[in-house]
Amino acid sequence: MTTKTLYTRDYVFSPAIRIMHWLRALSIVVLVITGFYIAWPFLTPYGGTDNLQQGWVRAGHLLFGFVLVGITVARAYLYFFSRSDIERRSFRDVVSLDSWKRQLRSYFWKGKLDKAGVYGPLQYVTYLGLTLVIVFMCLSGLAMHAHVYHDGLGGALYPFAEWFVGIMGGMAPVREWHHILTWAFMIFVVIHVYMAVWSGIRFKQNSVDAIVSGYNVHRSRD
């Protein structure tokens, strides 16, 4: 008697990528909340000269801002130099017209999505766009940090901050675009969570679990 394997699993994400994914998610949530509070202090603090409510919120924003900067640099390094090329292989689908057609058809419940790597072409392009937004948010955040804190790291970053503020046309546009692109994070998170769940249902795989356990569970083709 032979036993048929109904499900198989593939190793997708390393522990480093999974940890950084959740740290980045936490950072984005904290940065969005604290960023909106800094722009509009909607909580009424108690009276007294010892009240540092705004200061603590700014400190949290600063802390998680540096966490996001560190993760962005680390993820860029892993993308190009990691021993696993599962993310790099995904670029093959981006430059393949057939891969785009397959993915778009699969979204209309026609056919299956065969990927060279871990991401489909539309998913890859979306993540690339988000990465560029994160890079801008990190650079603009560091520029604003250097214009407030002139010693230590702020002082070291001041020449860069002067250049960045110059090409942006002043501090006001830097702050404005930093605020506007915060909405890109909020929109992305909603769509990202929805598509992760939808993909698991559509393609009969445990796509959400992959970023938790590292393994993608799917129905066996046997």
N, C-alpha and C. Protein backbone atom coordinates (compact mmCIF):
# COMPACT_ATOMS: atom_id res chain seq x y z
N MET A 1 0.86 -1.19 0.00
CA MET A 1 0.00 0.00 0.00
C MET A 1 0.89 1.24 0.00
N THR A 2 0.61 2.14 -0.91
CA THR A 2 1.40 3.37 -1.00
C THR A 2 0.62 4.53 -0.40
N THR A 3 1.36 5.40 0.22
CA THR A 3 0.74 6.58 0.83
C THR A 3 0.99 7.79 -0.06
N LYS A 4 -0.08 8.45 -0.45
CA LYS A 4 0.04 9.61 -1.32
C LYS A 4 0.28 10.86 -0.50
N THR A 5 1.26 11.66 -0.91
CA THR A 5 1.56 12.91 -0.21
C THR A 5 0.63 14.00 -0.72
N LEU A 6 -0.21 14.50 0.17
CA LEU A 6 -1.18 15.52 -0.23
C LEU A 6 -0.58 16.92 -0.25
N TYR A 7 0.37 17.16 0.66
CA TYR A 7 0.96 18.50 0.75
C TYR A 7 2.49 18.39 0.81
N THR A 8 3.12 19.35 0.22
CA THR A 8 4.58 19.46 0.29
C THR A 8 4.93 20.87 0.75
N ARG A 9 6.15 21.04 1.16
CA ARG A 9 6.56 22.38 1.59
C ARG A 9 7.94 22.69 1.04
N ASP A 10 8.13 23.95 0.70
CA ASP A 10 9.40 24.44 0.18
C ASP A 10 9.96 25.48 1.13
N TYR A 11 11.28 25.42 1.33
CA TYR A 11 11.93 26.41 2.19
C TYR A 11 12.10 27.70 1.40
N VAL A 12 11.56 28.79 1.92
CA VAL A 12 11.53 30.04 1.17
C VAL A 12 12.37 31.13 1.83
N PHE A 13 12.06 31.47 3.08
CA PHE A 13 12.70 32.61 3.72
C PHE A 13 13.57 32.17 4.89
N SER A 14 14.77 32.71 4.96
CA SER A 14 15.70 32.41 6.05
C SER A 14 15.25 33.13 7.32
N PRO A 15 15.77 32.71 8.48
CA PRO A 15 15.41 33.40 9.73
C PRO A 15 15.73 34.89 9.70
N ALA A 16 16.85 35.27 9.08
CA ALA A 16 17.22 36.69 9.02
C ALA A 16 16.17 37.50 8.28
N ILE A 17 15.71 36.99 7.14
CA ILE A 17 14.71 37.71 6.35
C ILE A 17 13.39 37.79 7.10
N ARG A 18 13.01 36.70 7.78
CA ARG A 18 11.74 36.70 8.52
C ARG A 18 11.80 37.69 9.68
N ILE A 19 12.88 37.69 10.42
CA ILE A 19 13.01 38.61 11.56
C ILE A 19 12.98 40.05 11.08
N MET A 20 13.71 40.33 10.01
CA MET A 20 13.73 41.71 9.50
C MET A 20 12.39 42.13 8.92
N HIS A 21 11.66 41.17 8.36
CA HIS A 21 10.33 41.50 7.84
C HIS A 21 9.42 42.00 8.96
N TRP A 22 9.41 41.28 10.08
CA TRP A 22 8.52 41.66 11.17
C TRP A 22 9.02 42.90 11.91
N LEU A 23 10.34 43.06 11.99
CA LEU A 23 10.87 44.29 12.58
C LEU A 23 10.54 45.50 11.71
N ARG A 24 10.62 45.31 10.40
CA ARG A 24 10.27 46.41 9.49
C ARG A 24 8.78 46.73 9.59
N ALA A 25 7.95 45.68 9.69
CA ALA A 25 6.51 45.92 9.84
C ALA A 25 6.21 46.68 11.13
N LEU A 26 6.86 46.27 12.23
CA LEU A 26 6.68 46.97 13.50
C LEU A 26 7.16 48.42 13.39
N SER A 27 8.30 48.62 12.75
CA SER A 27 8.85 49.96 12.59
C SER A 27 7.90 50.86 11.82
N ILE A 28 7.35 50.34 10.74
CA ILE A 28 6.44 51.13 9.92
C ILE A 28 5.20 51.52 10.71
N VAL A 29 4.64 50.59 11.47
CA VAL A 29 3.45 50.89 12.27
C VAL A 29 3.76 51.99 13.30
N VAL A 30 4.86 51.83 14.03
CA VAL A 30 5.22 52.82 15.05
C VAL A 30 5.54 54.17 14.40
N LEU A 31 6.25 54.16 13.28
CA LEU A 31 6.60 55.41 12.61
C LEU A 31 5.38 56.15 12.08
N VAL A 32 4.42 55.41 11.56
CA VAL A 32 3.20 56.05 11.06
C VAL A 32 2.44 56.70 12.21
N ILE A 33 2.26 55.98 13.30
CA ILE A 33 1.50 56.52 14.43
C ILE A 33 2.21 57.72 15.05
N THR A 34 3.49 57.55 15.35
CA THR A 34 4.23 58.66 15.97
C THR A 34 4.41 59.82 15.01
N GLY A 35 4.56 59.52 13.71
CA GLY A 35 4.72 60.60 12.73
C GLY A 35 3.49 61.48 12.64
N PHE A 36 2.31 60.85 12.63
CA PHE A 36 1.08 61.64 12.59
C PHE A 36 0.91 62.44 13.88
N TYR A 37 1.34 61.85 15.00
CA TYR A 37 1.21 62.59 16.25
C TYR A 37 2.15 63.80 16.26
N ILE A 38 3.37 63.62 15.75
CA ILE A 38 4.31 64.75 15.71
C ILE A 38 3.77 65.86 14.82
N ALA A 39 3.13 65.48 13.70
CA ALA A 39 2.56 66.49 12.80
C ALA A 39 1.34 67.17 13.42
N TRP A 40 0.58 66.40 14.20
CA TRP A 40 -0.62 66.95 14.83
C TRP A 40 -0.77 66.31 16.21
N PRO A 41 -0.28 66.96 17.26
CA PRO A 41 -0.36 66.38 18.62
C PRO A 41 -1.81 66.32 19.11
N PHE A 42 -2.47 65.19 18.81
CA PHE A 42 -3.90 65.08 19.09
C PHE A 42 -4.21 64.63 20.51
N LEU A 43 -3.18 64.29 21.28
CA LEU A 43 -3.39 63.91 22.67
C LEU A 43 -3.11 65.11 23.57
N THR A 44 -3.99 65.37 24.51
CA THR A 44 -3.82 66.51 25.40
C THR A 44 -3.01 66.09 26.62
N PRO A 45 -1.81 66.63 26.78
CA PRO A 45 -0.98 66.22 27.93
C PRO A 45 -1.43 66.94 29.20
N TYR A 46 -1.07 66.37 30.32
CA TYR A 46 -1.35 67.03 31.58
C TYR A 46 -0.41 68.23 31.73
N GLY A 47 -0.78 69.15 32.57
CA GLY A 47 0.01 70.35 32.73
C GLY A 47 1.27 70.12 33.54
N GLY A 48 2.18 71.05 33.43
CA GLY A 48 3.42 70.96 34.20
C GLY A 48 4.64 71.04 33.30
N THR A 49 5.71 71.59 33.87
CA THR A 49 6.94 71.75 33.08
C THR A 49 7.70 70.45 32.89
N ASP A 50 7.31 69.40 33.64
CA ASP A 50 8.00 68.12 33.53
C ASP A 50 7.34 67.20 32.50
N ASN A 51 6.37 67.71 31.76
CA ASN A 51 5.67 66.89 30.78
C ASN A 51 6.52 66.75 29.53
N LEU A 52 6.90 65.53 29.22
CA LEU A 52 7.75 65.27 28.05
C LEU A 52 7.05 64.36 27.04
N GLN A 53 5.71 64.48 26.99
CA GLN A 53 4.95 63.58 26.12
C GLN A 53 5.40 63.69 24.67
N GLN A 54 5.50 64.89 24.15
CA GLN A 54 5.94 65.08 22.77
C GLN A 54 7.38 64.58 22.59
N GLY A 55 8.19 64.79 23.60
CA GLY A 55 9.58 64.35 23.53
C GLY A 55 9.69 62.83 23.46
N TRP A 56 8.87 62.11 24.24
CA TRP A 56 8.89 60.65 24.21
C TRP A 56 8.40 60.13 22.86
N VAL A 57 7.39 60.78 22.31
CA VAL A 57 6.89 60.36 21.00
C VAL A 57 7.96 60.57 19.93
N ARG A 58 8.64 61.70 19.98
CA ARG A 58 9.72 61.97 19.03
C ARG A 58 10.86 60.98 19.21
N ALA A 59 11.16 60.62 20.47
CA ALA A 59 12.22 59.66 20.73
C ALA A 59 11.88 58.30 20.13
N GLY A 60 10.61 57.87 20.28
CA GLY A 60 10.18 56.61 19.67
C GLY A 60 10.26 56.66 18.16
N HIS A 61 9.88 57.78 17.58
CA HIS A 61 9.96 57.95 16.12
C HIS A 61 11.40 57.88 15.66
N LEU A 62 12.28 58.50 16.42
CA LEU A 62 13.69 58.50 16.07
C LEU A 62 14.28 57.09 16.17
N LEU A 63 13.97 56.39 17.25
CA LEU A 63 14.50 55.04 17.47
C LEU A 63 14.09 54.10 16.35
N PHE A 64 12.80 54.05 16.05
CA PHE A 64 12.34 53.13 15.02
C PHE A 64 12.71 53.60 13.62
N GLY A 65 12.97 54.89 13.49
CA GLY A 65 13.49 55.38 12.21
C GLY A 65 14.86 54.79 11.92
N PHE A 66 15.72 54.76 12.94
CA PHE A 66 17.06 54.17 12.76
C PHE A 66 16.97 52.66 12.58
N VAL A 67 15.99 52.03 13.23
CA VAL A 67 15.78 50.59 13.00
C VAL A 67 15.44 50.34 11.53
N LEU A 68 14.57 51.17 10.97
CA LEU A 68 14.18 51.02 9.57
C LEU A 68 15.37 51.26 8.64
N VAL A 69 16.20 52.23 8.97
CA VAL A 69 17.39 52.49 8.16
C VAL A 69 18.31 51.27 8.17
N GLY A 70 18.55 50.71 9.36
CA GLY A 70 19.41 49.54 9.47
C GLY A 70 18.88 48.34 8.71
N ILE A 71 17.56 48.10 8.82
CA ILE A 71 16.96 46.97 8.12
C ILE A 71 17.03 47.17 6.61
N THR A 72 16.82 48.39 6.15
CA THR A 72 16.87 48.67 4.72
C THR A 72 18.25 48.37 4.15
N VAL A 73 19.28 48.76 4.87
CA VAL A 73 20.65 48.48 4.42
C VAL A 73 20.93 46.98 4.44
N ALA A 74 20.51 46.30 5.51
CA ALA A 74 20.75 44.86 5.64
C ALA A 74 20.00 44.08 4.56
N ARG A 75 18.75 44.46 4.28
CA ARG A 75 17.98 43.75 3.26
C ARG A 75 18.58 43.94 1.87
N ALA A 76 19.09 45.13 1.61
CA ALA A 76 19.74 45.38 0.32
C ALA A 76 20.97 44.48 0.17
N TYR A 77 21.73 44.34 1.25
CA TYR A 77 22.92 43.48 1.21
C TYR A 77 22.51 42.03 0.96
N LEU A 78 21.50 41.55 1.68
CA LEU A 78 21.08 40.16 1.52
C LEU A 78 20.51 39.90 0.13
N TYR A 79 19.85 40.87 -0.44
CA TYR A 79 19.29 40.67 -1.78
C TYR A 79 20.40 40.38 -2.79
N PHE A 80 21.48 41.13 -2.70
CA PHE A 80 22.55 40.99 -3.70
C PHE A 80 23.57 39.91 -3.34
N PHE A 81 23.77 39.65 -2.05
CA PHE A 81 24.89 38.79 -1.66
C PHE A 81 24.50 37.55 -0.86
N SER A 82 23.21 37.35 -0.62
CA SER A 82 22.79 36.16 0.11
C SER A 82 23.09 34.90 -0.70
N ARG A 83 23.40 33.79 0.00
CA ARG A 83 23.63 32.53 -0.69
C ARG A 83 22.38 32.03 -1.39
N SER A 84 21.22 32.34 -0.83
CA SER A 84 19.96 31.98 -1.48
C SER A 84 19.63 33.02 -2.54
N ASP A 85 19.35 32.57 -3.74
CA ASP A 85 19.04 33.49 -4.84
C ASP A 85 17.56 33.49 -5.17
N ILE A 86 16.72 33.04 -4.25
CA ILE A 86 15.29 32.91 -4.54
C ILE A 86 14.64 34.26 -4.83
N GLU A 87 15.13 35.33 -4.19
CA GLU A 87 14.61 36.67 -4.48
C GLU A 87 15.19 37.20 -5.79
N ARG A 88 16.47 36.99 -6.00
CA ARG A 88 17.09 37.48 -7.24
C ARG A 88 16.51 36.81 -8.47
N ARG A 89 16.15 35.52 -8.35
CA ARG A 89 15.57 34.80 -9.49
C ARG A 89 14.25 35.41 -9.92
N SER A 90 13.57 36.06 -9.01
CA SER A 90 12.27 36.64 -9.34
C SER A 90 12.37 37.70 -10.42
N PHE A 91 13.54 38.29 -10.58
CA PHE A 91 13.70 39.33 -11.59
C PHE A 91 13.51 38.78 -13.00
N ARG A 92 13.73 37.48 -13.18
CA ARG A 92 13.53 36.88 -14.50
C ARG A 92 12.09 37.03 -14.95
N ASP A 93 11.17 36.94 -14.03
CA ASP A 93 9.76 37.08 -14.39
C ASP A 93 9.41 38.52 -14.75
N VAL A 94 10.10 39.48 -14.14
CA VAL A 94 9.81 40.88 -14.42
C VAL A 94 10.11 41.22 -15.87
N VAL A 95 11.16 40.63 -16.44
CA VAL A 95 11.55 40.94 -17.81
C VAL A 95 10.96 39.93 -18.81
N SER A 96 10.03 39.12 -18.35
CA SER A 96 9.40 38.12 -19.22
C SER A 96 7.94 38.50 -19.46
N LEU A 97 7.59 38.76 -20.69
CA LEU A 97 6.21 39.11 -21.02
C LEU A 97 5.26 37.94 -20.73
N ASP A 98 5.71 36.72 -20.98
CA ASP A 98 4.88 35.55 -20.69
C ASP A 98 4.55 35.45 -19.20
N SER A 99 5.51 35.79 -18.35
CA SER A 99 5.27 35.73 -16.90
C SER A 99 4.21 36.75 -16.49
N TRP A 100 4.26 37.94 -17.08
CA TRP A 100 3.24 38.95 -16.79
C TRP A 100 1.87 38.45 -17.22
N LYS A 101 1.80 37.84 -18.40
CA LYS A 101 0.52 37.33 -18.89
C LYS A 101 -0.02 36.24 -17.97
N ARG A 102 0.88 35.33 -17.53
CA ARG A 102 0.45 34.25 -16.65
C ARG A 102 -0.09 34.79 -15.33
N GLN A 103 0.62 35.79 -14.78
CA GLN A 103 0.18 36.32 -13.49
C GLN A 103 -1.16 37.03 -13.61
N LEU A 104 -1.32 37.85 -14.64
CA LEU A 104 -2.57 38.57 -14.81
C LEU A 104 -3.73 37.61 -15.06
N ARG A 105 -3.49 36.56 -15.84
CA ARG A 105 -4.55 35.56 -16.06
C ARG A 105 -4.90 34.83 -14.77
N SER A 106 -3.87 34.53 -13.97
CA SER A 106 -4.12 33.81 -12.71
C SER A 106 -4.96 34.64 -11.75
N TYR A 107 -4.82 35.97 -11.81
CA TYR A 107 -5.63 36.82 -10.95
C TYR A 107 -7.11 36.78 -11.34
N PHE A 108 -7.39 36.38 -12.57
CA PHE A 108 -8.77 36.22 -13.02
C PHE A 108 -9.18 34.74 -13.00
N TRP A 109 -8.48 33.97 -12.16
CA TRP A 109 -8.80 32.56 -11.94
C TRP A 109 -8.65 31.74 -13.21
N LYS A 110 -7.68 32.09 -14.04
CA LYS A 110 -7.42 31.34 -15.27
C LYS A 110 -5.97 30.87 -15.25
N GLY A 111 -5.78 29.59 -15.07
CA GLY A 111 -4.44 29.04 -15.06
C GLY A 111 -3.75 29.21 -13.72
N LYS A 112 -2.50 28.74 -13.66
CA LYS A 112 -1.71 28.81 -12.44
C LYS A 112 -0.56 29.78 -12.62
N LEU A 113 0.02 30.19 -11.50
CA LEU A 113 1.13 31.13 -11.52
C LEU A 113 2.43 30.37 -11.26
N ASP A 114 3.25 30.23 -12.30
CA ASP A 114 4.56 29.59 -12.16
C ASP A 114 5.63 30.68 -12.07
N LYS A 115 6.36 30.67 -10.97
CA LYS A 115 7.34 31.73 -10.73
C LYS A 115 8.75 31.17 -10.75
N ALA A 116 9.68 31.96 -11.28
CA ALA A 116 11.08 31.56 -11.28
C ALA A 116 11.68 31.67 -9.89
N GLY A 117 11.16 32.61 -9.10
CA GLY A 117 11.65 32.80 -7.74
C GLY A 117 10.50 32.77 -6.75
N VAL A 118 10.54 33.66 -5.79
CA VAL A 118 9.52 33.67 -4.75
C VAL A 118 8.42 34.68 -5.04
N TYR A 119 8.69 35.67 -5.92
CA TYR A 119 7.72 36.70 -6.22
C TYR A 119 7.29 36.63 -7.68
N GLY A 120 6.02 36.92 -7.93
CA GLY A 120 5.55 37.11 -9.28
C GLY A 120 5.99 38.48 -9.78
N PRO A 121 5.88 38.76 -11.09
CA PRO A 121 6.38 40.03 -11.63
C PRO A 121 5.69 41.26 -11.04
N LEU A 122 4.36 41.20 -10.88
CA LEU A 122 3.66 42.35 -10.31
C LEU A 122 4.03 42.54 -8.85
N GLN A 123 4.16 41.45 -8.13
CA GLN A 123 4.57 41.50 -6.73
C GLN A 123 5.97 42.08 -6.60
N TYR A 124 6.87 41.65 -7.48
CA TYR A 124 8.25 42.13 -7.44
C TYR A 124 8.30 43.64 -7.68
N VAL A 125 7.59 44.11 -8.70
CA VAL A 125 7.59 45.54 -9.03
C VAL A 125 6.98 46.35 -7.89
N THR A 126 5.93 45.81 -7.26
CA THR A 126 5.31 46.50 -6.13
C THR A 126 6.27 46.62 -4.96
N TYR A 127 6.97 45.53 -4.65
CA TYR A 127 7.95 45.57 -3.56
C TYR A 127 9.11 46.51 -3.88
N LEU A 128 9.51 46.55 -5.14
CA LEU A 128 10.57 47.47 -5.53
C LEU A 128 10.13 48.91 -5.32
N GLY A 129 8.87 49.20 -5.71
CA GLY A 129 8.35 50.55 -5.50
C GLY A 129 8.31 50.91 -4.03
N LEU A 130 7.87 49.96 -3.20
CA LEU A 130 7.85 50.21 -1.76
C LEU A 130 9.25 50.44 -1.22
N THR A 131 10.22 49.67 -1.71
CA THR A 131 11.60 49.85 -1.27
C THR A 131 12.11 51.24 -1.59
N LEU A 132 11.78 51.74 -2.78
CA LEU A 132 12.19 53.10 -3.15
C LEU A 132 11.55 54.14 -2.24
N VAL A 133 10.28 53.91 -1.87
CA VAL A 133 9.62 54.81 -0.93
C VAL A 133 10.32 54.77 0.42
N ILE A 134 10.68 53.57 0.88
CA ILE A 134 11.38 53.43 2.16
C ILE A 134 12.73 54.14 2.11
N VAL A 135 13.45 54.00 1.01
CA VAL A 135 14.74 54.67 0.88
C VAL A 135 14.57 56.18 0.98
N PHE A 136 13.56 56.71 0.29
CA PHE A 136 13.32 58.16 0.38
C PHE A 136 12.95 58.57 1.80
N MET A 137 12.11 57.78 2.46
CA MET A 137 11.72 58.11 3.82
C MET A 137 12.92 58.09 4.76
N CYS A 138 13.82 57.13 4.55
CA CYS A 138 15.03 57.07 5.38
C CYS A 138 15.92 58.28 5.13
N LEU A 139 16.13 58.62 3.86
CA LEU A 139 17.01 59.75 3.52
C LEU A 139 16.42 61.07 4.01
N SER A 140 15.12 61.26 3.79
CA SER A 140 14.50 62.51 4.25
C SER A 140 14.47 62.57 5.78
N GLY A 141 14.26 61.42 6.42
CA GLY A 141 14.28 61.40 7.88
C GLY A 141 15.65 61.74 8.44
N LEU A 142 16.71 61.20 7.82
CA LEU A 142 18.07 61.51 8.26
C LEU A 142 18.39 62.98 8.03
N ALA A 143 17.89 63.54 6.92
CA ALA A 143 18.12 64.95 6.63
C ALA A 143 17.46 65.83 7.69
N MET A 144 16.22 65.49 8.07
CA MET A 144 15.55 66.28 9.11
C MET A 144 16.22 66.09 10.46
N HIS A 145 16.71 64.87 10.72
CA HIS A 145 17.43 64.61 11.98
C HIS A 145 18.67 65.50 12.08
N ALA A 146 19.41 65.61 10.99
CA ALA A 146 20.65 66.41 11.00
C ALA A 146 20.37 67.90 11.18
N HIS A 147 19.18 68.35 10.79
CA HIS A 147 18.85 69.77 10.94
C HIS A 147 18.32 70.10 12.33
N VAL A 148 18.13 69.07 13.16
CA VAL A 148 17.69 69.29 14.54
C VAL A 148 18.82 68.99 15.52
N TYR A 149 19.54 67.88 15.26
CA TYR A 149 20.64 67.48 16.13
C TYR A 149 21.96 67.70 15.39
N HIS A 150 22.72 68.68 15.83
CA HIS A 150 23.91 69.09 15.10
C HIS A 150 25.19 68.44 15.59
N ASP A 151 25.10 67.63 16.63
CA ASP A 151 26.28 66.94 17.15
C ASP A 151 26.18 65.45 16.84
N GLY A 152 27.30 64.75 17.01
CA GLY A 152 27.31 63.31 16.82
C GLY A 152 26.94 62.91 15.40
N LEU A 153 26.02 61.96 15.28
CA LEU A 153 25.60 61.48 13.97
C LEU A 153 24.96 62.58 13.15
N GLY A 154 24.19 63.44 13.82
CA GLY A 154 23.57 64.55 13.11
C GLY A 154 24.59 65.46 12.47
N GLY A 155 25.67 65.75 13.20
CA GLY A 155 26.72 66.58 12.64
C GLY A 155 27.43 65.91 11.48
N ALA A 156 27.66 64.59 11.60
CA ALA A 156 28.31 63.86 10.52
C ALA A 156 27.44 63.83 9.26
N LEU A 157 26.11 63.82 9.45
CA LEU A 157 25.20 63.76 8.32
C LEU A 157 24.86 65.14 7.76
N TYR A 158 25.32 66.19 8.40
CA TYR A 158 24.89 67.53 7.99
C TYR A 158 25.25 67.88 6.54
N PRO A 159 26.47 67.56 6.05
CA PRO A 159 26.75 67.84 4.63
C PRO A 159 25.77 67.14 3.69
N PHE A 160 25.44 65.87 3.99
CA PHE A 160 24.45 65.18 3.18
C PHE A 160 23.09 65.87 3.29
N ALA A 161 22.71 66.26 4.52
CA ALA A 161 21.42 66.90 4.73
C ALA A 161 21.31 68.19 3.94
N GLU A 162 22.39 68.98 3.93
CA GLU A 162 22.39 70.22 3.16
C GLU A 162 22.19 69.95 1.68
N TRP A 163 22.85 68.92 1.16
CA TRP A 163 22.70 68.56 -0.25
C TRP A 163 21.28 68.08 -0.54
N PHE A 164 20.76 67.22 0.32
CA PHE A 164 19.44 66.64 0.10
C PHE A 164 18.37 67.72 0.18
N VAL A 165 18.45 68.58 1.18
CA VAL A 165 17.47 69.66 1.31
C VAL A 165 17.56 70.61 0.12
N GLY A 166 18.77 70.80 -0.38
CA GLY A 166 18.96 71.69 -1.53
C GLY A 166 18.25 71.17 -2.78
N ILE A 167 18.40 69.88 -3.06
CA ILE A 167 17.78 69.33 -4.27
C ILE A 167 16.26 69.20 -4.10
N MET A 168 15.78 69.17 -2.86
CA MET A 168 14.34 69.09 -2.62
C MET A 168 13.69 70.47 -2.60
N GLY A 169 14.51 71.51 -2.55
CA GLY A 169 13.96 72.87 -2.58
C GLY A 169 13.66 73.46 -1.22
N GLY A 170 14.26 72.90 -0.18
CA GLY A 170 14.06 73.45 1.16
C GLY A 170 13.51 72.41 2.12
N MET A 171 13.48 72.78 3.41
CA MET A 171 13.00 71.85 4.43
C MET A 171 11.49 71.62 4.34
N ALA A 172 10.75 72.65 3.93
CA ALA A 172 9.30 72.50 3.83
C ALA A 172 8.91 71.38 2.86
N PRO A 173 9.46 71.34 1.64
CA PRO A 173 9.14 70.22 0.75
C PRO A 173 9.59 68.86 1.29
N VAL A 174 10.72 68.84 2.01
CA VAL A 174 11.18 67.58 2.60
C VAL A 174 10.15 67.06 3.58
N ARG A 175 9.69 67.93 4.47
CA ARG A 175 8.69 67.52 5.46
C ARG A 175 7.37 67.16 4.77
N GLU A 176 7.00 67.91 3.75
CA GLU A 176 5.73 67.65 3.07
C GLU A 176 5.74 66.29 2.38
N TRP A 177 6.81 65.98 1.65
CA TRP A 177 6.89 64.69 0.96
C TRP A 177 7.05 63.54 1.95
N HIS A 178 7.75 63.80 3.05
CA HIS A 178 7.88 62.78 4.10
C HIS A 178 6.49 62.43 4.65
N HIS A 179 5.65 63.43 4.80
CA HIS A 179 4.29 63.21 5.29
C HIS A 179 3.41 62.54 4.24
N ILE A 180 3.49 63.01 2.99
CA ILE A 180 2.64 62.46 1.93
C ILE A 180 2.92 60.98 1.71
N LEU A 181 4.20 60.61 1.65
CA LEU A 181 4.55 59.22 1.37
C LEU A 181 4.26 58.28 2.54
N THR A 182 3.96 58.86 3.71
CA THR A 182 3.49 58.02 4.81
C THR A 182 2.22 57.29 4.40
N TRP A 183 1.40 57.95 3.59
CA TRP A 183 0.16 57.33 3.14
C TRP A 183 0.44 56.14 2.22
N ALA A 184 1.57 56.16 1.53
CA ALA A 184 1.93 55.00 0.70
C ALA A 184 2.11 53.76 1.57
N PHE A 185 2.71 53.93 2.76
CA PHE A 185 2.85 52.81 3.70
C PHE A 185 1.48 52.27 4.09
N MET A 186 0.57 53.17 4.44
CA MET A 186 -0.73 52.76 4.93
C MET A 186 -1.53 52.03 3.85
N ILE A 187 -1.48 52.54 2.63
CA ILE A 187 -2.19 51.90 1.52
C ILE A 187 -1.57 50.54 1.22
N PHE A 188 -0.23 50.48 1.23
CA PHE A 188 0.44 49.22 0.92
C PHE A 188 0.11 48.14 1.93
N VAL A 189 0.11 48.48 3.22
CA VAL A 189 -0.13 47.47 4.25
C VAL A 189 -1.49 46.81 4.06
N VAL A 190 -2.52 47.62 3.78
CA VAL A 190 -3.87 47.07 3.58
C VAL A 190 -3.88 46.12 2.39
N ILE A 191 -3.32 46.56 1.25
CA ILE A 191 -3.32 45.73 0.05
C ILE A 191 -2.44 44.50 0.24
N HIS A 192 -1.32 44.66 0.91
CA HIS A 192 -0.37 43.56 1.12
C HIS A 192 -1.01 42.43 1.94
N VAL A 193 -1.67 42.79 3.03
CA VAL A 193 -2.31 41.77 3.86
C VAL A 193 -3.43 41.09 3.09
N TYR A 194 -4.22 41.87 2.38
CA TYR A 194 -5.32 41.29 1.60
C TYR A 194 -4.79 40.32 0.54
N MET A 195 -3.77 40.74 -0.21
CA MET A 195 -3.26 39.90 -1.29
C MET A 195 -2.56 38.65 -0.76
N ALA A 196 -1.93 38.75 0.40
CA ALA A 196 -1.28 37.57 0.98
C ALA A 196 -2.31 36.50 1.34
N VAL A 197 -3.43 36.94 1.92
CA VAL A 197 -4.49 36.00 2.26
C VAL A 197 -5.16 35.48 1.00
N TRP A 198 -5.44 36.38 0.06
CA TRP A 198 -6.10 35.99 -1.20
C TRP A 198 -5.25 35.01 -1.98
N SER A 199 -3.93 35.23 -2.02
CA SER A 199 -3.04 34.35 -2.75
C SER A 199 -3.06 32.94 -2.17
N GLY A 200 -3.12 32.84 -0.84
CA GLY A 200 -3.19 31.53 -0.21
C GLY A 200 -4.46 30.79 -0.59
N ILE A 201 -5.57 31.53 -0.68
CA ILE A 201 -6.84 30.92 -1.06
C ILE A 201 -6.84 30.57 -2.54
N ARG A 202 -6.36 31.48 -3.37
CA ARG A 202 -6.41 31.29 -4.82
C ARG A 202 -5.52 30.14 -5.27
N PHE A 203 -4.31 30.07 -4.76
CA PHE A 203 -3.35 29.08 -5.24
C PHE A 203 -3.18 27.90 -4.31
N LYS A 204 -4.10 27.79 -3.31
CA LYS A 204 -4.12 26.64 -2.40
C LYS A 204 -2.75 26.41 -1.75
N GLN A 205 -2.21 27.49 -1.17
CA GLN A 205 -0.92 27.36 -0.48
C GLN A 205 -0.95 28.24 0.76
N ASN A 206 -0.07 27.94 1.68
CA ASN A 206 -0.01 28.67 2.94
C ASN A 206 1.00 29.80 2.82
N SER A 207 0.68 30.80 1.98
CA SER A 207 1.63 31.86 1.69
C SER A 207 1.92 32.74 2.89
N VAL A 208 0.93 32.92 3.77
CA VAL A 208 1.14 33.76 4.95
C VAL A 208 2.13 33.10 5.91
N ASP A 209 2.04 31.79 6.03
CA ASP A 209 2.90 31.06 6.97
C ASP A 209 4.36 31.11 6.56
N ALA A 210 4.64 31.37 5.27
CA ALA A 210 6.02 31.36 4.79
C ALA A 210 6.87 32.42 5.49
N ILE A 211 6.27 33.56 5.81
CA ILE A 211 7.04 34.62 6.45
C ILE A 211 7.10 34.43 7.96
N VAL A 212 6.42 33.38 8.47
CA VAL A 212 6.48 33.04 9.90
C VAL A 212 7.40 31.85 10.12
N SER A 213 7.12 30.76 9.40
CA SER A 213 7.90 29.53 9.59
C SER A 213 9.07 29.42 8.61
N GLY A 214 8.97 30.13 7.50
CA GLY A 214 9.99 30.03 6.46
C GLY A 214 9.63 29.07 5.36
N TYR A 215 8.59 28.28 5.56
CA TYR A 215 8.19 27.26 4.59
C TYR A 215 6.88 27.62 3.92
N ASN A 216 6.82 27.36 2.63
CA ASN A 216 5.59 27.55 1.87
C ASN A 216 4.95 26.19 1.65
N VAL A 217 3.78 25.98 2.25
CA VAL A 217 3.07 24.71 2.15
C VAL A 217 2.04 24.78 1.03
N HIS A 218 2.03 23.79 0.15
CA HIS A 218 1.09 23.79 -0.97
C HIS A 218 0.71 22.35 -1.31
N ARG A 219 -0.32 22.23 -2.09
CA ARG A 219 -0.78 20.91 -2.49
C ARG A 219 0.25 20.23 -3.38
N SER A 220 0.45 18.96 -3.17
CA SER A 220 1.38 18.20 -3.98
C SER A 220 0.82 18.04 -5.39
N ARG A 221 1.72 18.07 -6.38
CA ARG A 221 1.31 17.91 -7.77
C ARG A 221 1.25 16.44 -8.17
N ASP A 222 1.69 15.55 -7.29
CA ASP A 222 1.68 14.13 -7.61
C ASP A 222 0.25 13.59 -7.66
